[in-house]
Structures are given as C-alpha cells and as structure tokens.
Amino acid sequence: YFGEVTPSRWARLQLMKMMSEFREGMWAVVQQAISTLDTDFVSYADERLGNCERLAARPQFEQWLVDAAAPAL
C-alpha cells in the first residue's frame, strides 16, 4: 500500500494489533455477562487479553510508542 515499511508504520501496526486484542477481550468480558450462547467467553477473553499483555510486555513496546508518534511519511 505504501511502498515500504517505515519504523512509524511498523510501530502503528504493532500497537493496532495490541488494541485489537484488547477490544476483542473486552467484548468477550461483556458477552460472558450478557450472552445466552453456550460459549466459553471467559477463556476467549483470557486468551485475547493475554495476547494484548504479551504485546505490551515486549521490549520494543516503548520504542513503538515513540516511533508511532513520528510522521508516517
């Protein structure tokens, strides 16, 4: 799409992956309280929020924040 992967674009992708996992996890938390489906939303939430936590714990996380704030160019 953009011709090259810049540090800013890569960082934004990684942060968006983390936030996608967070959103899915929070959706599952709500579903486990309100859904009538026979689905293990608790396990799904644990998995998604665990993925979010693992991404946030990566050593590159702080640099992703710095890089994402830079112009995408």
Protein backbone atom coordinates (compact mmCIF):
# COMPACT_ATOMS: atom_id res chain seq x y z
CA TYR A 1 0.00 0.00 0.00
CA PHE A 2 2.69 2.50 0.94
CA GLY A 3 5.65 1.07 -0.96
CA GLU A 4 7.81 0.46 2.11
CA VAL A 5 7.63 -0.41 5.77
CA THR A 6 8.85 2.52 7.85
CA PRO A 7 9.50 2.32 11.61
CA SER A 8 6.46 4.52 12.17
CA ARG A 9 4.16 2.31 10.12
CA TRP A 10 5.52 -0.87 11.69
CA ALA A 11 5.03 0.57 15.18
CA ARG A 12 1.46 1.60 14.38
CA LEU A 13 0.71 -1.89 13.10
CA GLN A 14 2.05 -3.48 16.28
CA LEU A 15 0.08 -1.10 18.50
CA MET A 16 -3.09 -1.67 16.48
CA LYS A 17 -2.65 -5.43 16.88
CA MET A 18 -2.41 -4.91 20.62
CA MET A 19 -5.53 -2.74 20.70
CA SER A 20 -7.42 -5.22 18.53
CA GLU A 21 -6.67 -7.95 21.07
CA PHE A 22 -7.80 -5.61 23.87
CA ARG A 23 -11.07 -4.83 22.09
CA GLU A 24 -11.80 -8.50 21.46
CA GLY A 25 -11.00 -9.32 25.07
CA MET A 26 -13.30 -6.63 26.41
CA TRP A 27 -16.06 -7.70 24.02
CA ALA A 28 -15.78 -11.22 25.44
CA VAL A 29 -15.94 -9.90 29.01
CA VAL A 30 -19.24 -8.21 28.20
CA GLN A 31 -20.52 -11.28 26.34
CA GLN A 32 -19.82 -13.61 29.24
CA ALA A 33 -22.14 -11.46 31.33
CA ILE A 34 -24.98 -10.94 28.84
CA SER A 35 -24.89 -13.68 26.22
CA THR A 36 -27.24 -16.64 26.27
CA LEU A 37 -24.99 -18.62 23.92
CA ASP A 38 -23.25 -21.72 25.24
CA THR A 39 -19.79 -20.33 24.52
CA ASP A 40 -16.73 -20.09 26.76
CA PHE A 41 -16.33 -16.33 26.59
CA VAL A 42 -14.14 -16.33 29.71
CA SER A 43 -11.46 -18.43 28.00
CA TYR A 44 -11.73 -16.32 24.87
CA ALA A 45 -11.30 -13.14 26.94
CA ASP A 46 -8.33 -14.64 28.78
CA GLU A 47 -6.65 -15.56 25.51
CA ARG A 48 -7.23 -12.19 23.84
CA LEU A 49 -6.24 -10.13 26.89
CA GLY A 50 -3.21 -12.38 27.39
CA ASN A 51 -2.12 -11.63 23.81
CA CYS A 52 -2.56 -7.92 24.49
CA GLU A 53 -0.48 -8.19 27.65
CA ARG A 54 2.28 -10.12 25.86
CA LEU A 55 2.50 -7.48 23.14
CA ALA A 56 2.68 -4.70 25.75
CA ALA A 57 5.44 -6.59 27.58
CA ARG A 58 7.68 -6.86 24.52
CA PRO A 59 10.95 -4.96 24.85
CA GLN A 60 10.09 -2.95 21.72
CA PHE A 61 6.87 -1.55 23.20
CA GLU A 62 8.32 1.77 24.39
CA GLN A 63 10.04 2.29 21.05
CA TRP A 64 6.79 1.52 19.22
CA LEU A 65 5.17 4.37 21.12
CA VAL A 66 7.97 6.74 20.11
CA ASP A 67 8.00 5.55 16.50
CA ALA A 68 4.21 5.67 16.16
CA ALA A 69 4.20 9.32 17.22
CA ALA A 70 6.52 10.21 14.34
CA PRO A 71 5.15 11.20 10.92
CA ALA A 72 4.36 8.13 8.80
CA LEU A 73 5.99 9.60 5.69
